[in-house]
Amino acid sequence: MKRILLVLFLMQFLFINSSSVMANSKPLEGLNPPVNEYKDLMSTSMNRCNDLMNRPANKFSELLNKPVNDFSEPLNTPVNDFSEPLNTPVNEFCEPKNILNEPFDADDTPLPSSAIPVFSTPTLSQEADRFISHAIESALESYRRHPIKEDSISRSEEFLAIETITLSFAGDCTLGGDEKYTGNTFDRVYEKVNDPAYFFKGVQSVFGTDDFTFVNLEGTLTNATKKAEKEYRYRGDPSYTEILLKGSVEGVTLANNHTLDYFDVGYNDTVSALDSAGIYHTNFESSFIRDIKGIKIGFLGYKGWGHESKSHTLLEKQVKEMREQGVDFIVANYHWGDMRVYKPNEQQKRMAHFAIDHGVDLVIGHHPHVIQGMETYKGKNILYSLGNFCYGGSSNPGDKDTFIYQHQITYDKTHGKIIDSVHKIIPSRITSDPGRNNYQPIIATGEEEIHIMKKFEELSEKINK
């Protein structure tokens, strides 16, 4: 840019001087050069400019076969007011018919080569410098006109302090089965596929993208053989924790009616296996707190039936302790209700309302092995039963409908409070094989998705009437 301005200045200076020279010029015999020193200058300079144009400006540029700017036009085209073709008048002192016969004055000698300005095309670096300079000037001018205010900065900082986490909850997961089962058992499918990631593969789009996944682990992970006297005793190999890990399941509740199927030995083996795998668990006195993106989430686990009073006492104590530790959101999981019944009983409702009345933010229920609806009580959600999920307790359950419940929390870290909570119901099936249970739950689609969603909504309407 500086070079261009310098050229313009020199051209203007030369034009003024050349005008005075032409006014006093005298004929010189035998000479047929350009009319004056300016014409000579332009002719020489333009030729040099065109020479420059036929070779690269720098290592990044191609040969310049066409004009780059106002100073690099061909000589047969006007560049400006002072560079008309030689067969037209230059100014008022030059007649078009005898322009080439006009002699020079004795003082009209050509300028030395050192005084002739060289016109060159701008290099890429020069163009970049010009662009950057222009951008900086524009930014400074914008700032002068619209300076940044402090309140806008604080709003930006507050926006950056907003955090969102997603929690996923699914139903009964029995990794294994009863030893008297034959045929299409969970253990046989595991041996066949030989891949722990197989079982939750169909729901990885949900579990693998959330912040925390929690299920009901209904059974034991043990090699113990001494078992309780009951109809069904569920057991899986301790290595099955790899199924949970590959399935992106981070937490489980052990507060259910199959935790002690193999007595204390089986329970302790299960806890040990989960601890070794880094999977969190809860069961009455055992609870846990997870810090997720700076938000503290507390998890509790209880049973109904004859455990209602004990559950109430523990819940009050544990909720108080968690709040004192700065827990922001508390989830209470319950194993309760009646088998294969789609409507929550009175105890379920009573225990759920008690939990929310005493500080719980979300209630999740299990056990009926079928789905039940959702109640919203004092602005808090109660999911009475999520149904089966990855369920090794039956090779072909009659009702294969289930769903994943997702709860999304938006948290203002600047002010330390939850500013929004929303939920999502994801209709699912406990198997990807419509004819039997292959122990691989999947996300429902099409008519099945519509059917399960409608079923859930109808069950919820009956509770909320």
Protein backbone atom coordinates (compact mmCIF):
# COMPACT_ATOMS: atom_id res chain seq x y z
CA MET A 1 0.00 0.00 0.00
CA LYS A 2 2.85 2.36 0.82
CA ARG A 3 4.43 1.65 -2.55
CA ILE A 4 1.20 2.39 -4.39
CA LEU A 5 0.82 5.74 -2.61
CA LEU A 6 4.43 6.61 -3.42
CA VAL A 7 3.85 5.88 -7.10
CA LEU A 8 0.77 8.08 -7.20
CA PHE A 9 2.71 10.93 -5.58
CA LEU A 10 5.59 10.64 -8.06
CA MET A 11 3.23 10.52 -11.02
CA GLN A 12 1.48 13.68 -9.88
CA PHE A 13 4.83 15.41 -9.33
CA LEU A 14 6.11 14.41 -12.76
CA PHE A 15 2.92 15.56 -14.46
CA ILE A 16 3.26 19.07 -13.00
CA ASN A 17 6.89 19.37 -14.09
CA SER A 18 6.26 17.93 -17.52
CA SER A 19 3.53 20.46 -18.22
CA SER A 20 5.93 23.36 -17.70
CA VAL A 21 8.60 21.71 -19.84
CA MET A 22 6.21 21.22 -22.75
CA ALA A 23 5.09 24.82 -22.59
CA ASN A 24 8.67 26.00 -23.29
CA SER A 25 9.87 23.22 -25.57
CA LYS A 26 11.81 23.94 -28.83
CA PRO A 27 12.02 21.78 -31.97
CA LEU A 28 14.88 19.29 -32.25
CA GLU A 29 15.62 17.93 -35.65
CA GLY A 30 15.77 14.19 -36.34
CA LEU A 31 14.29 13.06 -33.07
CA ASN A 32 11.20 10.97 -32.88
CA PRO A 33 10.98 9.89 -29.20
CA PRO A 34 8.01 10.17 -26.78
CA VAL A 35 6.63 13.70 -26.45
CA ASN A 36 8.19 14.53 -23.12
CA GLU A 37 9.99 13.04 -20.19
CA TYR A 38 6.79 11.79 -18.64
CA LYS A 39 5.87 9.84 -21.76
CA ASP A 40 9.38 8.40 -21.79
CA LEU A 41 9.03 7.53 -18.13
CA MET A 42 5.69 5.81 -18.64
CA SER A 43 6.93 3.87 -21.64
CA THR A 44 10.03 2.65 -19.86
CA SER A 45 8.27 1.98 -16.57
CA MET A 46 5.38 0.12 -18.12
CA ASN A 47 7.76 -2.09 -20.08
CA ARG A 48 9.58 -2.92 -16.87
CA CYS A 49 6.24 -3.54 -15.15
CA ASN A 50 5.20 -5.95 -17.91
CA ASP A 51 8.54 -7.72 -17.58
CA LEU A 52 7.89 -8.19 -13.92
CA MET A 53 4.44 -9.49 -14.64
CA ASN A 54 5.85 -12.34 -16.73
CA ARG A 55 7.62 -13.92 -13.81
CA PRO A 56 6.32 -15.05 -10.40
CA ALA A 57 5.86 -12.37 -7.75
CA ASN A 58 6.98 -14.86 -5.13
CA LYS A 59 7.26 -18.60 -4.63
CA PHE A 60 3.52 -19.00 -4.16
CA SER A 61 2.34 -17.16 -7.28
CA GLU A 62 1.80 -18.36 -10.83
CA LEU A 63 2.98 -16.36 -13.84
CA LEU A 64 0.89 -13.27 -14.10
CA ASN A 65 -0.64 -13.28 -17.55
CA LYS A 66 -3.18 -10.57 -16.87
CA PRO A 67 -3.17 -7.19 -15.10
CA VAL A 68 -3.06 -7.32 -11.30
CA ASN A 69 -3.94 -3.73 -10.44
CA ASP A 70 -4.37 -0.25 -11.86
CA PHE A 71 -0.65 0.12 -12.52
CA SER A 72 -0.16 -2.99 -14.58
CA GLU A 73 -2.51 -2.48 -17.58
CA PRO A 74 -1.08 -3.13 -21.06
CA LEU A 75 0.28 -0.10 -22.91
CA ASN A 76 -2.49 -0.16 -25.47
CA THR A 77 -5.09 0.48 -22.78
CA PRO A 78 -5.46 3.68 -20.74
CA VAL A 79 -4.20 3.35 -17.18
CA ASN A 80 -5.27 6.81 -16.09
CA ASP A 81 -5.56 10.34 -17.41
CA PHE A 82 -1.82 10.49 -18.18
CA SER A 83 -1.38 7.26 -20.11
CA GLU A 84 -3.59 7.46 -23.22
CA PRO A 85 -2.37 5.55 -26.27
CA LEU A 86 0.28 7.37 -28.28
CA ASN A 87 -2.10 8.21 -31.13
CA THR A 88 -4.29 10.43 -28.91
CA PRO A 89 -3.57 13.78 -27.27
CA VAL A 90 -1.84 13.71 -23.90
CA ASN A 91 -2.96 17.15 -22.86
CA GLU A 92 -3.93 20.55 -24.27
CA PHE A 93 -0.40 21.21 -25.60
CA CYS A 94 -0.29 18.13 -27.83
CA GLU A 95 -2.14 17.92 -31.14
CA PRO A 96 -3.10 14.46 -32.24
CA LYS A 97 -1.91 14.74 -35.89
CA ASN A 98 1.71 15.76 -35.28
CA ILE A 99 2.32 14.30 -31.86
CA LEU A 100 5.14 12.06 -33.03
CA ASN A 101 6.82 15.04 -34.87
CA GLU A 102 6.90 17.28 -31.84
CA PRO A 103 10.59 17.91 -31.00
CA PHE A 104 11.99 17.94 -27.52
CA ASP A 105 13.42 20.95 -25.84
CA ALA A 106 17.14 20.81 -25.11
CA ASP A 107 16.26 20.22 -21.43
CA ASP A 108 13.99 17.29 -22.28
CA THR A 109 16.57 14.60 -21.59
CA PRO A 110 15.49 11.18 -20.29
CA LEU A 111 15.63 10.56 -16.58
CA PRO A 112 18.42 8.32 -15.33
CA SER A 113 17.38 4.71 -14.76
CA SER A 114 17.86 5.07 -11.02
CA ALA A 115 15.14 7.73 -10.91
CA ILE A 116 12.56 5.64 -12.75
CA PRO A 117 10.11 4.09 -10.28
CA VAL A 118 9.64 0.34 -10.61
CA PHE A 119 6.07 -0.89 -10.51
CA SER A 120 5.71 -4.37 -9.01
CA THR A 121 2.74 -6.53 -8.20
CA PRO A 122 1.99 -6.97 -4.49
CA THR A 123 3.18 -10.23 -2.99
CA LEU A 124 0.92 -12.53 -0.98
CA SER A 125 2.61 -11.44 2.23
CA GLN A 126 1.94 -7.79 1.37
CA GLU A 127 -1.69 -8.55 0.63
CA ALA A 128 -1.94 -10.49 3.91
CA ASP A 129 -0.40 -7.58 5.83
CA ARG A 130 -2.88 -5.21 4.23
CA PHE A 131 -5.80 -7.51 5.09
CA ILE A 132 -4.68 -7.95 8.70
CA SER A 133 -4.13 -4.22 9.12
CA HIS A 134 -7.59 -3.54 7.76
CA ALA A 135 -9.14 -6.16 10.08
CA ILE A 136 -7.39 -4.67 13.12
CA GLU A 137 -8.50 -1.17 12.20
CA SER A 138 -12.08 -2.40 11.71
CA ALA A 139 -12.04 -4.17 15.08
CA LEU A 140 -10.67 -1.09 16.84
CA GLU A 141 -13.24 1.12 15.16
CA SER A 142 -16.01 -1.29 16.18
CA TYR A 143 -14.75 -1.27 19.75
CA ARG A 144 -14.62 2.55 19.79
CA ARG A 145 -18.20 2.70 18.61
CA HIS A 146 -19.51 -0.22 20.67
CA PRO A 147 -17.28 -0.86 23.70
CA ILE A 148 -17.77 -4.14 25.61
CA LYS A 149 -19.74 -3.62 28.78
CA GLU A 150 -18.99 -5.37 32.05
CA ASP A 151 -22.50 -6.75 32.37
CA SER A 152 -22.19 -8.54 29.01
CA ILE A 153 -18.97 -10.18 30.22
CA SER A 154 -20.64 -11.40 33.38
CA ARG A 155 -23.51 -12.80 31.34
CA SER A 156 -21.04 -14.74 29.20
CA GLU A 157 -19.34 -16.12 32.30
CA GLU A 158 -22.70 -17.17 33.71
CA PHE A 159 -23.58 -18.92 30.46
CA LEU A 160 -20.34 -20.91 30.62
CA ALA A 161 -21.21 -21.94 34.19
CA ILE A 162 -24.42 -23.72 33.11
CA GLU A 163 -23.99 -27.51 33.14
CA THR A 164 -26.33 -30.26 31.94
CA ILE A 165 -26.16 -33.94 32.90
CA THR A 166 -28.25 -36.91 31.76
CA LEU A 167 -29.11 -39.87 34.00
CA SER A 168 -30.52 -43.11 32.53
CA PHE A 169 -32.52 -45.73 34.45
CA ALA A 170 -33.55 -49.21 33.31
CA GLY A 171 -35.35 -52.14 34.92
CA ASP A 172 -34.58 -55.62 36.21
CA CYS A 173 -31.27 -57.07 35.03
CA THR A 174 -30.59 -60.70 35.95
CA LEU A 175 -27.17 -61.67 34.65
CA GLY A 176 -27.49 -65.45 34.93
CA GLY A 177 -30.50 -67.47 36.03
CA ASP A 178 -31.75 -70.35 38.10
CA GLU A 179 -29.61 -73.50 38.00
CA LYS A 180 -32.59 -75.63 37.02
CA TYR A 181 -33.12 -73.66 33.79
CA THR A 182 -32.39 -75.51 30.54
CA GLY A 183 -32.44 -74.68 26.87
CA ASN A 184 -32.20 -71.01 25.95
CA THR A 185 -30.59 -69.81 29.17
CA PHE A 186 -28.63 -66.63 29.78
CA ASP A 187 -25.45 -68.60 30.47
CA ARG A 188 -25.73 -70.57 27.23
CA VAL A 189 -26.25 -67.42 25.19
CA TYR A 190 -23.19 -65.92 26.86
CA GLU A 191 -21.12 -69.00 25.97
CA LYS A 192 -22.38 -68.86 22.39
CA VAL A 193 -21.73 -65.19 21.67
CA ASN A 194 -18.58 -65.08 23.85
CA ASP A 195 -18.84 -61.31 24.00
CA PRO A 196 -19.89 -59.36 27.10
CA ALA A 197 -20.70 -56.33 24.92
CA TYR A 198 -23.46 -58.30 23.16
CA PHE A 199 -26.10 -57.88 25.88
CA PHE A 200 -26.38 -54.07 25.96
CA LYS A 201 -25.31 -53.52 22.36
CA GLY A 202 -28.83 -52.55 21.30
CA VAL A 203 -29.06 -49.66 23.79
CA GLN A 204 -25.54 -48.27 23.53
CA SER A 205 -26.87 -45.24 21.67
CA VAL A 206 -28.47 -44.28 25.02
CA PHE A 207 -26.23 -45.76 27.72
CA GLY A 208 -23.03 -44.88 25.91
CA THR A 209 -23.91 -41.22 25.50
CA ASP A 210 -25.41 -40.32 28.90
CA ASP A 211 -23.53 -39.29 32.05
CA PHE A 212 -24.64 -42.10 34.36
CA THR A 213 -26.64 -45.32 33.87
CA PHE A 214 -28.35 -47.12 36.74
CA VAL A 215 -30.20 -50.48 36.77
CA ASN A 216 -31.63 -53.01 39.21
CA LEU A 217 -29.20 -55.95 39.50
CA GLU A 218 -31.63 -58.72 40.40
CA GLY A 219 -29.52 -61.67 41.44
CA THR A 220 -26.06 -62.57 42.65
CA LEU A 221 -22.62 -62.79 41.07
CA THR A 222 -21.06 -65.70 42.91
CA ASN A 223 -19.74 -69.23 42.68
CA ALA A 224 -21.35 -70.21 45.98
CA THR A 225 -23.49 -73.36 45.97
CA LYS A 226 -25.43 -73.12 49.23
CA LYS A 227 -28.73 -71.49 48.34
CA ALA A 228 -31.92 -70.28 49.97
CA GLU A 229 -35.07 -72.39 50.05
CA LYS A 230 -37.25 -70.56 47.50
CA GLU A 231 -38.69 -71.10 44.04
CA TYR A 232 -36.15 -69.07 42.06
CA ARG A 233 -32.49 -68.47 43.00
CA TYR A 234 -30.57 -66.30 40.59
CA ARG A 235 -26.84 -66.59 40.13
CA GLY A 236 -24.27 -65.49 37.56
CA ASP A 237 -20.51 -65.74 37.30
CA PRO A 238 -18.60 -62.88 39.03
CA SER A 239 -16.95 -62.14 35.66
CA TYR A 240 -20.35 -60.95 34.40
CA THR A 241 -19.51 -57.52 35.76
CA GLU A 242 -17.80 -57.13 32.39
CA ILE A 243 -21.29 -57.15 30.83
CA LEU A 244 -22.16 -54.06 32.87
CA LEU A 245 -18.88 -52.35 32.02
CA LYS A 246 -19.17 -53.03 28.30
CA GLY A 247 -22.78 -51.90 28.49
CA SER A 248 -21.87 -48.51 30.01
CA VAL A 249 -23.76 -49.28 33.24
CA GLU A 250 -22.14 -47.40 36.12
CA GLY A 251 -24.46 -48.09 39.06
CA VAL A 252 -26.87 -50.74 40.40
CA THR A 253 -29.24 -51.28 43.29
CA LEU A 254 -28.93 -54.49 45.28
CA ALA A 255 -32.01 -53.77 47.38
CA ASN A 256 -34.18 -56.56 45.97
CA ASN A 257 -35.62 -59.97 46.87
CA HIS A 258 -32.84 -61.95 45.12
CA THR A 259 -29.80 -60.33 46.73
CA LEU A 260 -29.58 -63.10 49.35
CA ASP A 261 -30.43 -66.07 47.11
CA TYR A 262 -27.03 -67.52 48.05
CA PHE A 263 -27.00 -66.08 51.55
CA ASP A 264 -24.35 -63.74 52.86
CA VAL A 265 -21.56 -65.47 50.95
CA GLY A 266 -23.31 -64.83 47.64
CA TYR A 267 -24.08 -61.24 48.59
CA ASN A 268 -20.51 -60.51 49.68
CA ASP A 269 -19.16 -62.07 46.47
CA THR A 270 -21.46 -59.82 44.48
CA VAL A 271 -20.35 -56.69 46.32
CA SER A 272 -16.71 -57.67 45.92
CA ALA A 273 -17.12 -58.25 42.17
CA LEU A 274 -18.85 -54.88 41.71
CA ASP A 275 -16.21 -53.08 43.76
CA SER A 276 -13.43 -54.66 41.74
CA ALA A 277 -15.10 -53.51 38.52
CA GLY A 278 -15.65 -49.99 39.86
CA ILE A 279 -19.45 -50.26 39.67
CA TYR A 280 -21.36 -48.30 42.30
CA HIS A 281 -24.13 -49.99 44.30
CA THR A 282 -26.71 -49.21 46.92
CA ASN A 283 -28.73 -51.30 49.40
CA PHE A 284 -30.38 -49.87 52.54
CA GLU A 285 -27.44 -48.65 54.67
CA SER A 286 -25.19 -48.62 51.62
CA SER A 287 -25.63 -45.51 49.53
CA PHE A 288 -23.33 -43.50 47.31
CA ILE A 289 -22.75 -40.03 45.96
CA ARG A 290 -21.42 -39.29 42.49
CA ASP A 291 -19.92 -35.99 41.44
CA ILE A 292 -20.86 -35.61 37.79
CA LYS A 293 -19.55 -32.47 36.07
CA GLY A 294 -19.45 -30.73 39.42
CA ILE A 295 -23.02 -31.74 40.32
CA LYS A 296 -23.45 -34.07 43.29
CA ILE A 297 -26.01 -36.85 42.79
CA GLY A 298 -27.03 -39.13 45.68
CA PHE A 299 -28.36 -42.68 45.22
CA LEU A 300 -30.41 -44.60 47.80
CA GLY A 301 -31.89 -48.13 47.68
CA TYR A 302 -34.73 -49.70 49.72
CA LYS A 303 -37.37 -52.43 49.68
CA GLY A 304 -41.09 -52.36 50.40
CA TRP A 305 -43.34 -55.03 51.92
CA GLY A 306 -42.22 -55.56 55.52
CA HIS A 307 -39.33 -53.08 55.20
CA GLU A 308 -41.39 -49.89 55.01
CA SER A 309 -40.62 -48.60 58.51
CA LYS A 310 -36.90 -49.36 58.20
CA SER A 311 -36.82 -47.70 54.78
CA HIS A 312 -38.47 -44.53 56.13
CA THR A 313 -36.05 -44.25 59.04
CA LEU A 314 -32.98 -44.72 56.88
CA LEU A 315 -34.24 -42.39 54.20
CA GLU A 316 -34.70 -39.47 56.60
CA LYS A 317 -31.23 -39.99 58.03
CA GLN A 318 -29.46 -40.47 54.69
CA VAL A 319 -31.19 -37.57 52.95
CA LYS A 320 -30.18 -35.24 55.80
CA GLU A 321 -26.56 -36.45 55.63
CA MET A 322 -26.41 -36.06 51.89
CA ARG A 323 -27.76 -32.52 51.99
CA GLU A 324 -25.16 -31.64 54.59
CA GLN A 325 -22.52 -32.93 52.16
CA GLY A 326 -23.83 -30.61 49.48
CA VAL A 327 -25.71 -33.17 47.39
CA ASP A 328 -27.79 -31.41 44.74
CA PHE A 329 -30.10 -34.19 43.56
CA ILE A 330 -31.21 -37.40 45.33
CA VAL A 331 -32.60 -40.55 43.68
CA ALA A 332 -34.38 -43.19 45.78
CA ASN A 333 -34.72 -46.68 44.27
CA TYR A 334 -37.39 -49.05 45.59
CA HIS A 335 -38.08 -52.74 45.11
CA TRP A 336 -41.79 -53.12 45.77
CA GLY A 337 -45.25 -53.84 44.40
CA ASP A 338 -47.06 -56.92 43.09
CA MET A 339 -45.81 -59.32 40.44
CA ARG A 340 -47.18 -58.75 36.93
CA VAL A 341 -49.57 -56.03 38.07
CA TYR A 342 -49.66 -52.84 35.98
CA LYS A 343 -50.98 -50.57 38.72
CA PRO A 344 -49.01 -49.49 41.83
CA ASN A 345 -50.48 -50.56 45.14
CA GLU A 346 -51.13 -48.33 48.12
CA GLN A 347 -47.82 -49.10 49.80
CA GLN A 348 -45.90 -48.05 46.71
CA LYS A 349 -47.73 -44.72 46.60
CA ARG A 350 -47.31 -44.17 50.32
CA MET A 351 -43.58 -44.87 50.34
CA ALA A 352 -42.98 -42.79 47.24
CA HIS A 353 -44.83 -39.78 48.65
CA PHE A 354 -42.94 -40.13 51.92
CA ALA A 355 -39.63 -40.06 50.08
CA ILE A 356 -40.49 -36.86 48.21
CA ASP A 357 -41.96 -35.25 51.31
CA HIS A 358 -38.62 -35.85 53.01
CA GLY A 359 -36.32 -34.43 50.38
CA VAL A 360 -35.94 -36.98 47.55
CA ASP A 361 -35.98 -35.56 44.01
CA LEU A 362 -36.73 -38.69 41.97
CA VAL A 363 -38.22 -42.12 42.80
CA ILE A 364 -37.45 -45.19 40.67
CA GLY A 365 -39.30 -48.49 41.20
CA HIS A 366 -38.71 -52.16 40.30
CA HIS A 367 -39.99 -55.71 40.85
CA PRO A 368 -43.41 -56.22 39.17
CA HIS A 369 -41.62 -57.42 35.96
CA VAL A 370 -44.03 -55.31 33.91
CA ILE A 371 -44.10 -51.57 33.40
CA GLN A 372 -46.21 -49.26 35.53
CA GLY A 373 -46.98 -45.60 34.96
CA MET A 374 -45.43 -42.39 36.24
CA GLU A 375 -46.88 -40.03 38.83
CA THR A 376 -45.84 -36.41 39.28
CA TYR A 377 -46.10 -35.55 42.95
CA LYS A 378 -45.24 -32.04 44.16
CA GLY A 379 -43.35 -31.48 40.94
CA LYS A 380 -41.25 -34.65 41.37
CA ASN A 381 -41.46 -37.79 39.24
CA ILE A 382 -42.23 -41.28 40.53
CA LEU A 383 -41.61 -44.20 38.17
CA TYR A 384 -43.41 -47.05 39.89
CA SER A 385 -41.97 -49.88 37.75
CA LEU A 386 -39.56 -49.92 34.82
CA GLY A 387 -40.30 -53.61 34.11
CA ASN A 388 -37.73 -56.15 32.94
CA PHE A 389 -34.67 -55.21 30.94
CA CYS A 390 -31.72 -57.58 30.45
CA TYR A 391 -33.59 -60.30 32.26
CA GLY A 392 -32.14 -63.80 32.61
CA GLY A 393 -35.00 -64.85 34.90
CA SER A 394 -37.14 -66.10 31.99
CA SER A 395 -36.31 -67.45 28.53
CA ASN A 396 -39.55 -66.11 27.05
CA PRO A 397 -41.56 -63.63 29.17
CA GLY A 398 -45.11 -62.99 28.03
CA ASP A 399 -44.71 -59.19 28.19
CA LYS A 400 -41.52 -58.00 26.53
CA ASP A 401 -42.29 -54.27 26.75
CA THR A 402 -40.04 -51.99 28.74
CA PHE A 403 -38.61 -48.48 28.64
CA ILE A 404 -35.58 -46.44 29.63
CA TYR A 405 -36.25 -43.40 31.78
CA GLN A 406 -33.89 -40.47 31.26
CA HIS A 407 -33.68 -37.48 33.57
CA GLN A 408 -31.80 -34.39 32.43
CA ILE A 409 -30.66 -31.84 35.00
CA THR A 410 -29.56 -28.31 34.15
CA TYR A 411 -27.41 -26.79 36.86
CA ASP A 412 -26.25 -23.22 37.49
CA LYS A 413 -22.76 -23.68 38.93
CA THR A 414 -22.36 -19.96 39.60
CA HIS A 415 -25.29 -19.87 42.02
CA GLY A 416 -25.12 -23.55 43.02
CA LYS A 417 -28.66 -24.55 42.11
CA ILE A 418 -30.69 -26.66 39.71
CA ILE A 419 -32.52 -24.42 37.26
CA ASP A 420 -34.32 -27.06 35.20
CA SER A 421 -35.20 -30.76 35.10
CA VAL A 422 -36.76 -32.58 32.18
CA HIS A 423 -37.40 -36.25 31.48
CA LYS A 424 -37.66 -38.55 28.49
CA ILE A 425 -39.33 -41.94 28.06
CA ILE A 426 -37.54 -44.24 25.60
CA PRO A 427 -39.79 -47.21 24.66
CA SER A 428 -37.78 -50.43 24.43
CA ARG A 429 -38.04 -54.21 24.14
CA ILE A 430 -36.25 -56.70 26.38
CA THR A 431 -35.15 -58.75 23.35
CA SER A 432 -34.13 -58.17 19.75
CA ASP A 433 -35.69 -61.54 18.83
CA PRO A 434 -39.50 -61.23 18.71
CA GLY A 435 -39.98 -64.98 19.23
CA ARG A 436 -38.00 -65.45 22.43
CA ASN A 437 -35.72 -63.74 24.94
CA ASN A 438 -32.20 -63.43 23.57
CA TYR A 439 -31.24 -61.19 26.53
CA GLN A 440 -30.40 -58.26 24.28
CA PRO A 441 -32.73 -55.30 24.95
CA ILE A 442 -33.22 -52.85 22.10
CA ILE A 443 -34.78 -49.44 21.45
CA ALA A 444 -38.31 -49.92 20.09
CA THR A 445 -39.17 -48.47 16.70
CA GLY A 446 -42.21 -48.10 14.46
CA GLU A 447 -45.48 -49.59 15.68
CA GLU A 448 -43.82 -51.18 18.73
CA GLU A 449 -42.54 -47.79 19.88
CA ILE A 450 -46.00 -46.24 19.45
CA HIS A 451 -47.64 -49.15 21.26
CA ILE A 452 -45.31 -49.00 24.29
CA MET A 453 -45.55 -45.23 24.56
CA LYS A 454 -49.34 -45.32 24.43
CA LYS A 455 -49.38 -48.10 27.02
CA PHE A 456 -47.17 -46.07 29.37
CA GLU A 457 -49.26 -42.92 28.94
CA GLU A 458 -52.50 -44.76 29.68
CA LEU A 459 -51.03 -46.35 32.83
CA SER A 460 -49.80 -42.93 33.96
CA GLU A 461 -53.18 -41.29 33.40
CA LYS A 462 -54.84 -43.83 35.69
CA ILE A 463 -52.38 -42.97 38.51
CA ASN A 464 -52.70 -39.20 38.15
CA LYS A 465 -56.52 -39.09 38.13
